[in-house]
Amino acid sequence: MSEAEDRKPRSDEARYDPEITSEFAIPEGIEVSEGGGEPETTSEFVLPKGLETPQSPGAEPEGSAFSTPSVYSANEAPTAFTPATGVPLVSLVKDAPWQDRMRTMLRMPVAERPAPEPVQRVEEEGPAVPRVLDLTLRIGELLLAGGEGAEDVEAAMFAVCRSYGLDRCEPNVTFTLLSISHQPSLVDDPVTASRTVRRRGTDYTRLAAVFRLVDDLTDPETHVSLEEAYRRLAEIRRNRHPYPGWALTLASGLLAGAASVLVGGDLIVFFAAAVGAMLGDRLAWLCAGRGLPEFYQFTVAAMPPAMIGVAFALAHVDVKASAVVTGGLFALLPGRALVAGVQDGLTGFYITAAARLLEVLYFFVGIVAGVLVVLYFGVKVGGKLNPDAALVINERPLIQIAASMLLSLTFAVLLQQERSTVLWVALNGGVAWTVYGAMHYVADISPVASTAVAAGLVGLFGQLLSRYRFASALPYTTAAIGPLLPGSATYFGLLNMAQNEVNKGLVSLANAASLAMAIAIGVNLGSEVFRLFLRVGSPGKRRAAKRTRGF
């Protein structure tokens, strides 16, 4: 074309020249299907051609949850937080009692636990999982309500499940809630059950019966079906207390009298402290019958001994009024809950330990409130109570040893222990006070260290007696620490505060708290030392013990 023709406007025919492409035409290089009809329309979610995606491997065969995955490579694994020396393995001693074996397995990782070996006969189709879990929770409820430590409750629940062949069971114990989870297999849904502990009662006879039931369930030679286990558990729940109400009231009075003798009281002080403690016990029973919380029960029970002590001071009777009040406090101090709380903290159950120690704190505040109100009004009306009397405790070894044994014996009665264990507990309490007196009064060692050593021996001998009888250690240790409880330090701290000497009172109360912690730590340490170095309870000894007991 010439330059002039180029400047002319194009005709309509030229506009539709096939060589001229439209903006809607398919660009060159794009392939379209040659088939007839309309071209294929693609979705916006279709992967473009040429884009390669990783192909997922075929489904792995069903296996155990604890086996190494097929895609795992040790060379490509991330850095593990493992020390160069390695992690020490927890060894499982087969001839140890069931408490130690189950406690050891609970402390092991789930992947390292040995497979369960059912020791109880079950039906051909396997055990009824919901019923086994329900039986386990009911046993744990009785143990926890009776004051057993959280770790021992978990060990008992774990033992019941494994005795019926349930694998991959995880018990969980808190202060008021029990739960257990069981996963039958990798592809099955887990079965979880829980139970709330609403009532707590001190009955070590029932506690010992539950331990015997668990011991029989874990013994291969004693076959207990589920129905038989339920029947025995129902009998345990319905059992009557071994001591009547009047015996408990008399025991609380004798306990207070024996405690007053330990701190220097004479015969008059013994009877006065006994009367005050018995009045306080009856008032506490009256408040309990009206449904008042335990805080107010402790407050009311602490008032009568303090009133009698103030009455002696007002009447100018030549007796140790402080010993009367101290004896009354011995019967109220929550030594059982304190030991259980510290033990739970030392074994890693911090939530349960915090709840137990908070319970002890509330009880202690209730005792403080009751005694402090009486002492305050006693000082206001002219009662001459001398805080320095704590420094002039008479040393009478034979009388004090006898008083400590009487205190432990009556404490065992208050805890509703079996009558066959009362004598052993009294001897253990006498040993505790003998060690304390020899270290504190003779060797002039600090009371905290003396208390810790004496409490350690109580825990050691308590574990020895419990393993010999295949029972819980609580009945042999709780009452034996009675002579070591800080009753005098608590009283003199409250007396100083009532006389507006707050600094001295706080120092004395801090001393009482130190003594209480020394008792709890000493008992737990003695028990752990026994488990670490001594082995009592092989299968042969267990069978011989069962034949002796008549099983």
Protein backbone atom coordinates (compact mmCIF):
# COMPACT_ATOMS: atom_id res chain seq x y z
CA MET A 1 0.00 0.00 0.00
CA SER A 2 1.03 3.55 -0.59
CA GLU A 3 1.29 6.14 2.11
CA ALA A 4 -1.92 7.80 0.87
CA GLU A 5 -3.89 4.58 1.10
CA ASP A 6 -2.71 4.08 4.63
CA ARG A 7 -4.23 7.36 5.70
CA LYS A 8 -7.68 6.38 4.33
CA PRO A 9 -10.21 4.95 6.77
CA ARG A 10 -10.70 1.22 6.54
CA SER A 11 -13.81 -0.24 5.05
CA ASP A 12 -16.18 -2.57 6.87
CA GLU A 13 -14.85 -5.55 4.89
CA ALA A 14 -11.34 -4.78 5.98
CA ARG A 15 -12.40 -4.70 9.57
CA TYR A 16 -13.53 -8.36 9.36
CA ASP A 17 -10.38 -9.49 7.63
CA PRO A 18 -9.59 -13.01 8.94
CA GLU A 19 -6.01 -12.05 9.36
CA ILE A 20 -7.00 -9.44 11.91
CA THR A 21 -7.58 -11.07 15.32
CA SER A 22 -10.17 -10.07 17.93
CA GLU A 23 -9.48 -9.41 21.55
CA PHE A 24 -11.62 -12.44 22.36
CA ALA A 25 -9.67 -14.75 20.10
CA ILE A 26 -7.68 -17.61 21.59
CA PRO A 27 -4.01 -16.66 21.78
CA GLU A 28 -1.52 -18.68 19.84
CA GLY A 29 0.12 -21.48 21.82
CA ILE A 30 -3.03 -22.43 23.74
CA GLU A 31 -4.24 -25.89 22.82
CA VAL A 32 -7.95 -26.57 22.72
CA SER A 33 -9.73 -29.82 22.23
CA GLU A 34 -10.43 -30.80 18.65
CA GLY A 35 -13.70 -32.48 19.45
CA GLY A 36 -16.88 -31.21 18.08
CA GLY A 37 -19.18 -28.94 19.99
CA GLU A 38 -18.19 -26.39 22.56
CA PRO A 39 -14.68 -26.46 24.05
CA GLU A 40 -14.25 -27.89 27.54
CA THR A 41 -14.85 -25.41 30.34
CA THR A 42 -12.60 -25.79 33.36
CA SER A 43 -13.30 -24.94 37.02
CA GLU A 44 -11.30 -22.31 38.82
CA PHE A 45 -10.34 -24.95 41.39
CA VAL A 46 -8.74 -27.31 38.88
CA LEU A 47 -4.97 -27.57 39.17
CA PRO A 48 -3.16 -26.13 36.14
CA LYS A 49 -1.40 -28.50 33.81
CA GLY A 50 2.26 -28.99 34.56
CA LEU A 51 1.90 -28.42 38.32
CA GLU A 52 3.12 -31.49 40.19
CA THR A 53 1.69 -32.21 43.66
CA PRO A 54 3.23 -34.61 46.17
CA GLN A 55 1.41 -37.88 46.19
CA SER A 56 0.33 -39.02 49.68
CA PRO A 57 1.63 -42.45 50.60
CA GLY A 58 -0.75 -45.29 50.97
CA ALA A 59 -2.60 -45.78 54.23
CA GLU A 60 -0.44 -47.37 56.87
CA PRO A 61 -1.58 -50.64 58.37
CA GLU A 62 -3.26 -50.29 61.71
CA GLY A 63 -0.78 -50.69 64.55
CA SER A 64 -0.01 -49.71 68.09
CA ALA A 65 -0.05 -46.09 69.21
CA PHE A 66 3.34 -46.63 70.82
CA SER A 67 5.19 -47.96 67.72
CA THR A 68 7.61 -45.74 65.77
CA PRO A 69 5.91 -44.08 62.73
CA SER A 70 7.14 -45.18 59.32
CA VAL A 71 7.96 -41.59 58.28
CA TYR A 72 10.18 -41.05 61.30
CA SER A 73 13.89 -40.68 60.66
CA ALA A 74 16.39 -40.44 63.47
CA ASN A 75 18.77 -38.39 61.34
CA GLU A 76 16.12 -35.77 60.57
CA ALA A 77 14.62 -35.72 64.07
CA PRO A 78 14.77 -32.43 66.00
CA THR A 79 17.21 -32.01 68.83
CA ALA A 80 15.89 -33.71 71.98
CA PHE A 81 16.29 -32.25 75.44
CA THR A 82 18.13 -35.26 76.82
CA PRO A 83 21.22 -34.87 78.97
CA ALA A 84 24.47 -36.38 77.74
CA THR A 85 24.46 -38.89 80.57
CA GLY A 86 21.00 -40.13 79.62
CA VAL A 87 17.78 -40.36 81.60
CA PRO A 88 17.77 -42.89 84.46
CA LEU A 89 15.24 -45.65 84.01
CA VAL A 90 12.83 -46.53 86.79
CA SER A 91 13.35 -50.16 87.63
CA LEU A 92 10.37 -52.36 88.39
CA VAL A 93 10.98 -54.85 91.20
CA LYS A 94 8.69 -57.83 90.71
CA ASP A 95 8.79 -59.11 94.29
CA ALA A 96 7.81 -55.75 95.80
CA PRO A 97 4.32 -55.22 97.30
CA TRP A 98 1.60 -53.99 94.98
CA GLN A 99 1.84 -50.44 96.38
CA ASP A 100 5.45 -50.12 95.24
CA ARG A 101 4.91 -51.85 91.89
CA MET A 102 1.91 -49.73 90.95
CA ARG A 103 3.56 -46.54 92.17
CA THR A 104 6.62 -47.33 90.04
CA MET A 105 4.51 -47.94 86.93
CA LEU A 106 2.58 -44.72 87.47
CA ARG A 107 5.87 -42.83 87.51
CA MET A 108 6.96 -44.48 84.23
CA PRO A 109 6.05 -43.12 80.77
CA VAL A 110 3.05 -44.83 79.22
CA ALA A 111 5.15 -46.34 76.41
CA GLU A 112 7.48 -48.05 78.91
CA ARG A 113 4.85 -49.67 81.12
CA PRO A 114 4.70 -53.45 80.86
CA ALA A 115 1.58 -55.05 79.48
CA PRO A 116 -0.96 -56.04 82.14
CA GLU A 117 -1.24 -59.64 83.21
CA PRO A 118 -4.79 -60.26 84.45
CA VAL A 119 -4.78 -62.03 87.77
CA GLN A 120 -8.56 -62.24 88.18
CA ARG A 121 -10.87 -64.51 86.25
CA VAL A 122 -13.06 -62.72 83.74
CA GLU A 123 -15.69 -63.83 81.27
CA GLU A 124 -14.73 -65.16 77.85
CA GLU A 125 -15.76 -61.95 76.12
CA GLY A 126 -13.51 -59.93 78.45
CA PRO A 127 -14.16 -57.81 81.52
CA ALA A 128 -17.07 -55.38 81.66
CA VAL A 129 -15.09 -52.16 81.30
CA PRO A 130 -17.71 -49.77 82.80
CA ARG A 131 -18.16 -51.99 85.84
CA VAL A 132 -14.42 -52.33 86.40
CA LEU A 133 -14.03 -48.56 86.20
CA ASP A 134 -16.95 -48.05 88.58
CA LEU A 135 -15.43 -50.50 91.08
CA THR A 136 -12.11 -48.71 90.76
CA LEU A 137 -13.68 -45.32 91.48
CA ARG A 138 -15.59 -46.61 94.50
CA ILE A 139 -12.40 -48.07 95.99
CA GLY A 140 -10.54 -44.82 95.34
CA GLU A 141 -13.36 -42.83 96.94
CA LEU A 142 -13.12 -44.77 100.20
CA LEU A 143 -9.34 -44.38 100.30
CA LEU A 144 -9.36 -40.65 99.57
CA ALA A 145 -12.20 -39.97 102.01
CA GLY A 146 -10.29 -41.87 104.68
CA GLY A 147 -7.26 -39.57 104.39
CA GLU A 148 -4.97 -41.62 102.15
CA GLY A 149 -2.41 -39.74 100.06
CA ALA A 150 -3.20 -38.99 96.41
CA GLU A 151 -0.34 -41.12 95.08
CA ASP A 152 -1.41 -44.16 97.10
CA VAL A 153 -5.01 -43.70 95.90
CA GLU A 154 -3.84 -43.62 92.28
CA ALA A 155 -1.69 -46.71 92.89
CA ALA A 156 -4.70 -48.61 94.28
CA MET A 157 -6.92 -47.58 91.37
CA PHE A 158 -4.23 -48.56 88.88
CA ALA A 159 -3.83 -51.93 90.61
CA VAL A 160 -7.55 -52.71 90.39
CA CYS A 161 -7.66 -51.93 86.66
CA ARG A 162 -4.58 -53.99 85.83
CA SER A 163 -5.78 -56.93 87.90
CA TYR A 164 -8.76 -57.21 85.52
CA GLY A 165 -6.57 -56.79 82.41
CA LEU A 166 -7.39 -53.20 81.45
CA ASP A 167 -4.42 -51.63 79.68
CA ARG A 168 -3.76 -47.92 79.04
CA CYS A 169 -5.61 -46.76 82.14
CA GLU A 170 -4.85 -43.33 83.56
CA PRO A 171 -6.23 -42.52 87.04
CA ASN A 172 -6.37 -38.92 88.19
CA VAL A 173 -6.91 -37.84 91.80
CA THR A 174 -7.58 -34.37 93.15
CA PHE A 175 -8.90 -33.24 96.51
CA THR A 176 -12.59 -33.87 95.75
CA LEU A 177 -12.65 -35.49 92.29
CA LEU A 178 -11.63 -38.93 91.07
CA SER A 179 -11.49 -39.82 87.40
CA ILE A 180 -10.11 -42.66 85.33
CA SER A 181 -9.76 -43.09 81.58
CA HIS A 182 -9.35 -46.33 79.64
CA GLN A 183 -8.64 -46.62 75.91
CA PRO A 184 -9.37 -50.16 74.67
CA SER A 185 -7.35 -49.80 71.45
CA LEU A 186 -5.93 -47.25 69.08
CA VAL A 187 -9.10 -46.97 66.98
CA ASP A 188 -11.66 -47.16 69.83
CA ASP A 189 -12.97 -44.19 71.74
CA PRO A 190 -11.67 -43.86 75.32
CA VAL A 191 -13.99 -44.62 78.20
CA THR A 192 -13.84 -42.08 81.03
CA ALA A 193 -15.63 -42.14 84.38
CA SER A 194 -15.45 -39.82 87.38
CA ARG A 195 -16.71 -39.64 90.96
CA THR A 196 -16.91 -36.80 93.45
CA VAL A 197 -15.89 -37.23 97.09
CA ARG A 198 -18.42 -35.26 99.14
CA ARG A 199 -18.09 -36.80 102.59
CA ARG A 200 -14.90 -37.39 104.53
CA GLY A 201 -14.67 -39.53 107.61
CA THR A 202 -11.87 -40.79 109.80
CA ASP A 203 -12.20 -44.56 109.97
CA TYR A 204 -8.93 -46.43 109.62
CA THR A 205 -10.69 -49.77 110.13
CA ARG A 206 -12.52 -49.22 106.85
CA LEU A 207 -9.27 -48.06 105.27
CA ALA A 208 -7.50 -51.28 106.28
CA ALA A 209 -10.38 -53.36 104.89
CA VAL A 210 -10.12 -51.60 101.52
CA PHE A 211 -6.38 -52.28 101.43
CA ARG A 212 -7.02 -55.97 102.09
CA LEU A 213 -9.50 -56.03 99.20
CA VAL A 214 -6.97 -54.44 96.82
CA ASP A 215 -4.30 -56.84 98.07
CA ASP A 216 -6.54 -59.81 97.25
CA LEU A 217 -7.35 -58.40 93.81
CA THR A 218 -3.65 -58.15 92.97
CA ASP A 219 -2.80 -61.62 94.28
CA PRO A 220 -2.76 -64.32 91.56
CA GLU A 221 -3.75 -67.02 94.05
CA THR A 222 -6.84 -65.22 95.36
CA HIS A 223 -9.52 -65.07 92.67
CA VAL A 224 -12.12 -62.37 93.28
CA SER A 225 -14.81 -61.87 90.65
CA LEU A 226 -16.44 -58.53 90.02
CA GLU A 227 -19.57 -59.58 91.86
CA GLU A 228 -17.54 -60.75 94.85
CA ALA A 229 -15.54 -57.51 94.85
CA TYR A 230 -18.76 -55.45 94.82
CA ARG A 231 -20.17 -57.54 97.67
CA ARG A 232 -17.08 -57.06 99.82
CA LEU A 233 -17.01 -53.36 99.05
CA ALA A 234 -20.64 -53.01 100.13
CA GLU A 235 -19.84 -54.77 103.41
CA ILE A 236 -16.92 -52.38 103.97
CA ARG A 237 -19.16 -49.36 103.46
CA ARG A 238 -21.77 -50.70 105.87
CA ASN A 239 -19.36 -51.67 108.63
CA ARG A 240 -19.89 -50.34 112.13
CA HIS A 241 -17.24 -48.32 113.88
CA PRO A 242 -15.16 -50.40 116.30
CA TYR A 243 -15.66 -47.95 119.17
CA PRO A 244 -18.88 -46.38 120.48
CA GLY A 245 -19.41 -42.65 120.93
CA TRP A 246 -18.73 -42.61 124.67
CA ALA A 247 -15.37 -44.34 124.07
CA LEU A 248 -14.37 -41.62 121.61
CA THR A 249 -15.27 -38.89 124.07
CA LEU A 250 -13.29 -40.61 126.83
CA ALA A 251 -10.35 -41.07 124.45
CA SER A 252 -10.31 -37.35 123.63
CA GLY A 253 -10.21 -36.55 127.35
CA LEU A 254 -7.38 -38.99 128.05
CA LEU A 255 -5.47 -37.63 125.05
CA ALA A 256 -5.69 -34.08 126.39
CA GLY A 257 -4.68 -35.22 129.88
CA ALA A 258 -1.65 -37.11 128.56
CA ALA A 259 -0.61 -34.09 126.48
CA SER A 260 -0.82 -31.83 129.54
CA VAL A 261 1.53 -34.18 131.40
CA LEU A 262 4.03 -33.97 128.51
CA VAL A 263 4.31 -30.20 129.02
CA GLY A 264 4.76 -30.39 132.80
CA GLY A 265 1.27 -30.82 134.23
CA ASP A 266 0.43 -32.77 137.38
CA LEU A 267 -2.54 -34.93 138.35
CA ILE A 268 -4.93 -31.97 138.81
CA VAL A 269 -3.95 -30.60 135.42
CA PHE A 270 -4.47 -34.06 133.90
CA PHE A 271 -8.10 -34.24 135.04
CA ALA A 272 -8.80 -30.60 134.23
CA ALA A 273 -7.50 -30.96 130.68
CA ALA A 274 -9.47 -34.20 130.26
CA VAL A 275 -12.72 -32.55 131.37
CA GLY A 276 -12.15 -29.58 129.07
CA ALA A 277 -11.44 -31.80 126.07
CA MET A 278 -14.51 -33.96 126.70
CA LEU A 279 -16.73 -30.87 126.95
CA GLY A 280 -15.27 -29.57 123.72
CA ASP A 281 -15.85 -32.92 122.03
CA ARG A 282 -19.51 -32.98 123.03
CA LEU A 283 -20.01 -29.40 121.85
CA ALA A 284 -18.40 -30.27 118.51
CA TRP A 285 -20.73 -33.27 118.15
CA LEU A 286 -23.69 -30.99 118.88
CA CYS A 287 -22.58 -28.53 116.19
CA ALA A 288 -22.02 -31.36 113.73
CA GLY A 289 -25.55 -32.63 114.38
CA ARG A 290 -26.89 -29.17 113.50
CA GLY A 291 -24.99 -29.20 110.22
CA LEU A 292 -22.44 -26.50 111.05
CA PRO A 293 -19.18 -26.58 109.02
CA GLU A 294 -16.06 -28.06 110.58
CA PHE A 295 -14.52 -24.61 111.00
CA TYR A 296 -17.10 -23.73 113.66
CA GLN A 297 -16.83 -27.17 115.20
CA PHE A 298 -13.11 -26.62 115.83
CA THR A 299 -13.78 -23.12 117.14
CA VAL A 300 -16.34 -24.34 119.67
CA ALA A 301 -14.26 -27.38 120.69
CA ALA A 302 -11.24 -25.17 121.50
CA MET A 303 -13.13 -22.97 123.98
CA PRO A 304 -13.74 -25.27 127.03
CA PRO A 305 -10.05 -26.11 127.70
CA ALA A 306 -9.16 -22.44 127.42
CA MET A 307 -12.02 -21.53 129.78
CA ILE A 308 -10.81 -24.00 132.41
CA GLY A 309 -7.26 -22.64 132.14
CA VAL A 310 -8.51 -19.06 132.57
CA ALA A 311 -10.68 -20.15 135.52
CA PHE A 312 -7.61 -21.61 137.26
CA ALA A 313 -5.75 -18.36 136.67
CA LEU A 314 -8.61 -16.27 138.07
CA ALA A 315 -8.96 -18.53 141.12
CA HIS A 316 -5.20 -18.27 141.75
CA VAL A 317 -4.89 -22.05 141.94
CA ASP A 318 -1.28 -23.16 142.10
CA VAL A 319 -1.34 -25.27 138.94
CA LYS A 320 -0.02 -24.81 135.43
CA ALA A 321 -3.01 -23.29 133.70
CA SER A 322 -1.08 -23.19 130.44
CA ALA A 323 -0.73 -26.97 130.50
CA VAL A 324 -4.54 -27.33 130.60
CA VAL A 325 -4.97 -25.23 127.48
CA THR A 326 -2.07 -26.95 125.72
CA GLY A 327 -3.52 -30.38 126.42
CA GLY A 328 -6.84 -29.33 124.92
CA LEU A 329 -5.11 -28.13 121.77
CA PHE A 330 -3.36 -31.45 121.25
CA ALA A 331 -6.70 -33.16 120.72
CA LEU A 332 -7.68 -30.67 118.00
CA LEU A 333 -4.55 -30.11 115.92
CA PRO A 334 -5.13 -31.64 112.44
CA GLY A 335 -2.00 -33.75 112.26
CA ARG A 336 -3.53 -36.29 109.86
CA ALA A 337 -4.47 -33.70 107.22
CA LEU A 338 -1.12 -31.95 107.64
CA VAL A 339 0.91 -35.10 106.97
CA ALA A 340 -1.25 -36.04 103.97
CA GLY A 341 -0.99 -32.53 102.52
CA VAL A 342 2.79 -32.35 102.76
CA GLN A 343 3.11 -35.88 101.39
CA ASP A 344 1.01 -34.97 98.34
CA GLY A 345 3.21 -31.93 97.74
CA LEU A 346 6.42 -33.95 97.99
CA THR A 347 5.12 -36.55 95.54
CA GLY A 348 4.06 -34.00 92.91
CA PHE A 349 0.31 -33.66 93.54
CA TYR A 350 0.42 -29.93 94.06
CA ILE A 351 -3.27 -29.15 93.56
CA THR A 352 -4.34 -31.75 96.12
CA ALA A 353 -1.54 -30.67 98.47
CA ALA A 354 -2.62 -27.03 98.25
CA ALA A 355 -6.23 -27.99 98.99
CA ARG A 356 -5.26 -30.14 101.98
CA LEU A 357 -2.96 -27.49 103.42
CA LEU A 358 -5.67 -24.87 102.95
CA GLU A 359 -8.01 -27.16 104.87
CA VAL A 360 -5.42 -27.41 107.66
CA LEU A 361 -5.11 -23.62 107.65
CA TYR A 362 -8.85 -23.18 108.07
CA PHE A 363 -8.95 -25.66 110.94
CA PHE A 364 -6.00 -23.95 112.57
CA VAL A 365 -7.65 -20.54 112.21
CA GLY A 366 -10.79 -21.96 113.82
CA ILE A 367 -8.76 -23.23 116.80
CA VAL A 368 -6.97 -19.89 117.03
CA ALA A 369 -10.25 -17.98 117.00
CA GLY A 370 -11.79 -20.09 119.77
CA VAL A 371 -8.77 -19.96 122.08
CA LEU A 372 -7.95 -16.32 121.35
CA VAL A 373 -11.45 -15.11 122.22
CA VAL A 374 -11.33 -16.88 125.59
CA LEU A 375 -7.79 -15.73 126.38
CA TYR A 376 -8.61 -12.14 125.42
CA PHE A 377 -11.55 -11.91 127.79
CA GLY A 378 -9.59 -13.80 130.45
CA VAL A 379 -6.80 -11.22 130.31
CA LYS A 380 -9.33 -8.38 130.38
CA VAL A 381 -10.96 -9.65 133.60
CA GLY A 382 -7.61 -10.03 135.36
CA GLY A 383 -6.41 -13.52 134.57
CA LYS A 384 -2.65 -13.78 135.08
CA LEU A 385 -1.40 -16.11 132.39
CA ASN A 386 2.40 -16.27 132.06
CA PRO A 387 3.83 -16.85 128.56
CA ASP A 388 7.27 -17.52 130.07
CA ALA A 389 5.94 -20.74 131.60
CA ALA A 390 6.98 -22.48 128.37
CA LEU A 391 10.58 -22.24 129.49
CA VAL A 392 10.18 -24.26 132.71
CA ILE A 393 8.97 -27.66 131.53
CA ASN A 394 9.98 -30.33 134.05
CA GLU A 395 11.97 -33.25 132.69
CA ARG A 396 10.40 -36.50 133.86
CA PRO A 397 11.50 -39.12 131.33
CA LEU A 398 9.57 -42.16 132.55
CA ILE A 399 6.33 -40.27 133.17
CA GLN A 400 6.56 -38.45 129.86
CA ILE A 401 7.25 -41.67 127.92
CA ALA A 402 4.20 -43.28 129.53
CA ALA A 403 2.13 -40.17 128.74
CA SER A 404 3.29 -40.22 125.11
CA MET A 405 2.25 -43.86 124.74
CA LEU A 406 -1.15 -43.09 126.27
CA LEU A 407 -1.52 -40.13 123.91
CA SER A 408 -0.76 -42.29 120.85
CA LEU A 409 -3.11 -45.03 122.05
CA THR A 410 -6.04 -42.66 122.55
CA PHE A 411 -5.27 -40.94 119.26
CA ALA A 412 -5.53 -44.33 117.55
CA VAL A 413 -8.95 -44.84 119.14
CA LEU A 414 -10.12 -41.46 117.84
CA LEU A 415 -8.98 -42.48 114.35
CA GLN A 416 -11.15 -45.64 114.59
CA GLN A 417 -8.22 -48.00 114.10
CA GLU A 418 -8.41 -51.75 114.40
CA ARG A 419 -7.85 -52.97 117.92
CA SER A 420 -4.97 -55.16 116.84
CA THR A 421 -2.99 -52.09 115.74
CA VAL A 422 -3.48 -49.92 118.82
CA LEU A 423 -0.63 -51.50 120.83
CA TRP A 424 1.83 -51.15 117.95
CA VAL A 425 0.92 -47.49 117.55
CA ALA A 426 1.41 -46.85 121.26
CA LEU A 427 4.90 -48.38 121.10
CA ASN A 428 5.75 -46.32 118.02
CA GLY A 429 4.64 -43.14 119.80
CA GLY A 430 6.79 -44.00 122.82
CA VAL A 431 9.81 -44.47 120.56
CA ALA A 432 9.14 -41.10 118.91
CA TRP A 433 9.06 -39.24 122.22
CA THR A 434 12.12 -41.08 123.52
CA VAL A 435 14.15 -40.03 120.49
CA TYR A 436 12.86 -36.47 120.73
CA GLY A 437 13.62 -36.20 124.44
CA ALA A 438 17.10 -37.68 124.06
CA MET A 439 17.99 -35.25 121.30
CA HIS A 440 16.34 -32.10 122.65
CA TYR A 441 16.67 -32.34 126.43
CA VAL A 442 19.85 -34.41 126.74
CA ALA A 443 21.87 -33.49 123.64
CA ASP A 444 20.48 -29.91 123.55
CA ILE A 445 19.60 -30.10 119.82
CA SER A 446 17.05 -27.70 118.36
CA PRO A 447 13.42 -28.83 118.68
CA VAL A 448 12.85 -28.66 114.91
CA ALA A 449 15.72 -31.05 114.13
CA SER A 450 14.75 -33.35 117.00
CA THR A 451 11.15 -33.43 115.80
CA ALA A 452 12.19 -34.20 112.22
CA VAL A 453 14.39 -37.14 113.27
CA ALA A 454 11.74 -38.56 115.59
CA ALA A 455 9.07 -38.22 112.88
CA GLY A 456 11.41 -39.92 110.40
CA LEU A 457 11.66 -42.94 112.70
CA VAL A 458 7.87 -42.95 113.03
CA GLY A 459 7.55 -43.12 109.23
CA LEU A 460 10.23 -45.80 109.00
CA PHE A 461 8.68 -48.06 111.64
CA GLY A 462 5.20 -47.35 110.28
CA GLN A 463 6.23 -48.60 106.84
CA LEU A 464 7.87 -51.66 108.40
CA LEU A 465 4.71 -52.56 110.32
CA SER A 466 2.45 -51.91 107.33
CA ARG A 467 4.55 -54.14 105.05
CA TYR A 468 4.61 -56.87 107.67
CA ARG A 469 0.80 -56.83 107.79
CA PHE A 470 0.24 -55.89 104.10
CA ALA A 471 -1.84 -52.84 105.02
CA SER A 472 -1.77 -49.07 104.77
CA ALA A 473 0.94 -47.18 106.66
CA LEU A 474 -1.40 -44.43 107.87
CA PRO A 475 -2.76 -46.32 110.90
CA TYR A 476 0.79 -46.90 112.13
CA THR A 477 2.12 -43.37 111.61
CA THR A 478 -0.66 -40.82 112.11
CA ALA A 479 -1.39 -41.56 115.75
CA ALA A 480 2.29 -42.09 116.59
CA ILE A 481 3.14 -38.47 115.72
CA GLY A 482 0.65 -37.22 118.30
CA PRO A 483 3.26 -36.55 121.03
CA LEU A 484 5.29 -34.44 118.57
CA LEU A 485 2.49 -32.04 117.59
CA PRO A 486 3.27 -28.39 118.42
CA GLY A 487 0.52 -27.77 120.94
CA SER A 488 2.54 -25.73 123.43
CA ALA A 489 4.10 -23.49 120.78
CA THR A 490 0.64 -22.78 119.37
CA TYR A 491 -0.82 -21.91 122.78
CA PHE A 492 1.98 -19.58 123.84
CA GLY A 493 1.85 -17.80 120.49
CA LEU A 494 -1.86 -17.16 120.98
CA LEU A 495 -1.31 -16.05 124.58
CA ASN A 496 1.30 -13.50 123.53
CA MET A 497 -1.05 -12.12 120.91
CA ALA A 498 -3.86 -11.87 123.46
CA GLN A 499 -1.54 -9.83 125.70
CA ASN A 500 -0.72 -7.42 122.81
CA GLU A 501 2.76 -8.88 122.28
CA VAL A 502 2.23 -9.52 118.61
CA ASN A 503 5.87 -9.95 117.64
CA LYS A 504 6.49 -12.66 120.23
CA GLY A 505 3.24 -14.32 119.26
CA LEU A 506 4.13 -14.44 115.58
CA VAL A 507 7.55 -15.88 116.41
CA SER A 508 5.96 -18.64 118.49
CA LEU A 509 3.38 -19.40 115.80
CA ALA A 510 6.16 -19.55 113.19
CA ASN A 511 7.94 -22.02 115.46
CA ALA A 512 4.76 -24.10 115.60
CA ALA A 513 4.53 -24.08 111.80
CA SER A 514 8.18 -25.15 111.54
CA LEU A 515 7.56 -28.05 113.90
CA ALA A 516 4.50 -29.11 111.92
CA MET A 517 6.43 -29.09 108.65
CA ALA A 518 9.28 -31.01 110.29
CA ILE A 519 6.81 -33.70 111.37
CA ALA A 520 5.26 -34.06 107.93
CA ILE A 521 8.57 -34.06 106.04
CA GLY A 522 10.15 -36.45 108.54
CA VAL A 523 7.31 -38.98 108.21
CA ASN A 524 7.46 -38.86 104.42
CA LEU A 525 11.26 -39.10 104.35
CA GLY A 526 11.25 -42.11 106.66
CA SER A 527 8.75 -43.85 104.40
CA GLU A 528 10.78 -43.13 101.27
CA VAL A 529 14.00 -44.32 102.92
CA PHE A 530 12.29 -47.60 103.78
CA ARG A 531 11.11 -48.11 100.19
CA LEU A 532 14.56 -47.24 98.87
CA PHE A 533 16.75 -49.52 100.96
CA LEU A 534 14.54 -52.22 102.47
CA ARG A 535 12.61 -54.89 100.62
CA VAL A 536 9.83 -56.57 102.52
CA GLY A 537 6.96 -58.35 100.88
CA SER A 538 8.06 -61.03 98.42
CA PRO A 539 5.36 -63.31 96.98
CA GLY A 540 6.39 -66.14 99.30
CA LYS A 541 6.03 -63.94 102.36
CA ARG A 542 2.70 -62.68 101.08
CA ARG A 543 1.31 -66.19 100.70
CA ALA A 544 2.51 -67.08 104.17
CA ALA A 545 0.92 -63.94 105.58
CA LYS A 546 -2.38 -64.71 103.86
CA ARG A 547 -2.39 -68.22 105.31
CA THR A 548 -1.72 -66.72 108.74
CA ARG A 549 -4.61 -64.29 108.29
CA GLY A 550 -6.91 -67.07 107.18
CA PHE A 551 -7.45 -66.10 103.54
